[in-house]
Amino acid sequence: MAKEKVQEQDHSEIYDLSNRVARSTVAVVDALTQRGAFKGEELSTIGQLRDQSLQIIQLAETYQQEAAAES
């Protein structure tokens, strides 16, 4: 019974926060990259961070669209 209650929780707050953090991360990475703030050996790690942030944005947008469709 407790397990069912956990599954029914509203996760919109974490999706919203994740979406905002990921968008900010992408903006910062893009700005710093344009300014030449990273060394060559750091670029793959920074690129991975940017890609992961984009994945979070996509997940959050999908969740929000599904939640809106259910309402």
C-alpha atoms as a PDB file:
ATOM      1  CA  MET A   1       0.000   0.000   0.000  1.00  0.00           C
ATOM      2  CA  ALA A   2       2.843   2.391   0.834  1.00  0.00           C
ATOM      3  CA  LYS A   3       4.434   1.496  -2.477  1.00  0.00           C
ATOM      4  CA  GLU A   4       1.313   2.586  -4.359  1.00  0.00           C
ATOM      5  CA  LYS A   5       1.319   5.908  -2.533  1.00  0.00           C
ATOM      6  CA  VAL A   6       4.919   6.591  -3.592  1.00  0.00           C
ATOM      7  CA  GLN A   7       4.082   5.915  -7.243  1.00  0.00           C
ATOM      8  CA  GLU A   8       1.186   8.379  -7.160  1.00  0.00           C
ATOM      9  CA  GLN A   9       3.291  11.329  -5.925  1.00  0.00           C
ATOM     10  CA  ASP A  10       3.409  14.469  -8.014  1.00  0.00           C
ATOM     11  CA  HIS A  11       6.870  14.916  -9.502  1.00  0.00           C
ATOM     12  CA  SER A  12       6.144  18.179 -11.297  1.00  0.00           C
ATOM     13  CA  GLU A  13       8.275  20.235  -8.900  1.00  0.00           C
ATOM     14  CA  ILE A  14      11.455  18.219  -9.520  1.00  0.00           C
ATOM     15  CA  TYR A  15      10.822  18.201 -13.270  1.00  0.00           C
ATOM     16  CA  ASP A  16      10.346  21.972 -13.255  1.00  0.00           C
ATOM     17  CA  LEU A  17      13.495  22.573 -11.210  1.00  0.00           C
ATOM     18  CA  SER A  18      15.521  20.140 -13.327  1.00  0.00           C
ATOM     19  CA  ASN A  19      14.314  21.844 -16.484  1.00  0.00           C
ATOM     20  CA  ARG A  20      15.362  25.289 -15.220  1.00  0.00           C
ATOM     21  CA  VAL A  21      18.756  24.079 -13.976  1.00  0.00           C
ATOM     22  CA  ALA A  22      19.455  22.259 -17.236  1.00  0.00           C
ATOM     23  CA  ARG A  23      18.510  25.310 -19.332  1.00  0.00           C
ATOM     24  CA  SER A  24      20.781  27.493 -17.215  1.00  0.00           C
ATOM     25  CA  THR A  25      23.599  24.975 -17.559  1.00  0.00           C
ATOM     26  CA  VAL A  26      23.295  24.967 -21.345  1.00  0.00           C
ATOM     27  CA  ALA A  27      23.280  28.775 -21.409  1.00  0.00           C
ATOM     28  CA  VAL A  28      26.394  28.980 -19.213  1.00  0.00           C
ATOM     29  CA  VAL A  29      28.259  26.329 -21.201  1.00  0.00           C
ATOM     30  CA  ASP A  30      27.407  28.067 -24.475  1.00  0.00           C
ATOM     31  CA  ALA A  31      28.468  31.501 -23.173  1.00  0.00           C
ATOM     32  CA  LEU A  32      31.749  30.236 -21.733  1.00  0.00           C
ATOM     33  CA  THR A  33      32.545  28.237 -24.846  1.00  0.00           C
ATOM     34  CA  GLN A  34      32.028  31.290 -27.053  1.00  0.00           C
ATOM     35  CA  ARG A  35      34.424  33.212 -24.813  1.00  0.00           C
ATOM     36  CA  GLY A  36      37.079  30.514 -25.038  1.00  0.00           C
ATOM     37  CA  ALA A  37      36.956  29.679 -21.333  1.00  0.00           C
ATOM     38  CA  PHE A  38      37.744  25.974 -21.717  1.00  0.00           C
ATOM     39  CA  LYS A  39      40.965  24.150 -22.553  1.00  0.00           C
ATOM     40  CA  GLY A  40      40.899  21.617 -25.345  1.00  0.00           C
ATOM     41  CA  GLU A  41      41.113  18.641 -23.001  1.00  0.00           C
ATOM     42  CA  GLU A  42      38.055  19.913 -21.123  1.00  0.00           C
ATOM     43  CA  LEU A  43      35.812  20.185 -24.161  1.00  0.00           C
ATOM     44  CA  SER A  44      34.639  16.559 -24.236  1.00  0.00           C
ATOM     45  CA  THR A  45      33.570  16.740 -20.578  1.00  0.00           C
ATOM     46  CA  ILE A  46      31.843  20.077 -21.137  1.00  0.00           C
ATOM     47  CA  GLY A  47      30.152  18.654 -24.239  1.00  0.00           C
ATOM     48  CA  GLN A  48      28.904  15.687 -22.216  1.00  0.00           C
ATOM     49  CA  LEU A  49      27.522  18.022 -19.545  1.00  0.00           C
ATOM     50  CA  ARG A  50      25.716  20.024 -22.229  1.00  0.00           C
ATOM     51  CA  ASP A  51      24.316  16.868 -23.843  1.00  0.00           C
ATOM     52  CA  GLN A  52      23.104  15.553 -20.474  1.00  0.00           C
ATOM     53  CA  SER A  53      21.432  18.882 -19.780  1.00  0.00           C
ATOM     54  CA  LEU A  54      19.641  18.700 -23.120  1.00  0.00           C
ATOM     55  CA  GLN A  55      18.424  15.208 -22.235  1.00  0.00           C
ATOM     56  CA  ILE A  56      17.019  16.511 -18.948  1.00  0.00           C
ATOM     57  CA  ILE A  57      15.257  19.327 -20.794  1.00  0.00           C
ATOM     58  CA  GLN A  58      13.691  16.821 -23.178  1.00  0.00           C
ATOM     59  CA  LEU A  59      12.562  14.569 -20.315  1.00  0.00           C
ATOM     60  CA  ALA A  60      11.047  17.504 -18.440  1.00  0.00           C
ATOM     61  CA  GLU A  61       9.228  18.786 -21.522  1.00  0.00           C
ATOM     62  CA  THR A  62       7.857  15.309 -22.252  1.00  0.00           C
ATOM     63  CA  TYR A  63       6.649  14.987 -18.653  1.00  0.00           C
ATOM     64  CA  GLN A  64       4.999  18.425 -18.790  1.00  0.00           C
ATOM     65  CA  GLN A  65       3.265  17.615 -22.079  1.00  0.00           C
ATOM     66  CA  GLU A  66       1.972  14.304 -20.715  1.00  0.00           C
ATOM     67  CA  ALA A  67       0.779  15.988 -17.521  1.00  0.00           C
ATOM     68  CA  ALA A  68      -1.023  18.653 -19.528  1.00  0.00           C
ATOM     69  CA  ALA A  69      -2.677  16.004 -21.702  1.00  0.00           C
ATOM     70  CA  GLU A  70      -3.950  14.181 -18.604  1.00  0.00           C
ATOM     71  CA  SER A  71      -5.472  17.342 -17.134  1.00  0.00           C
END
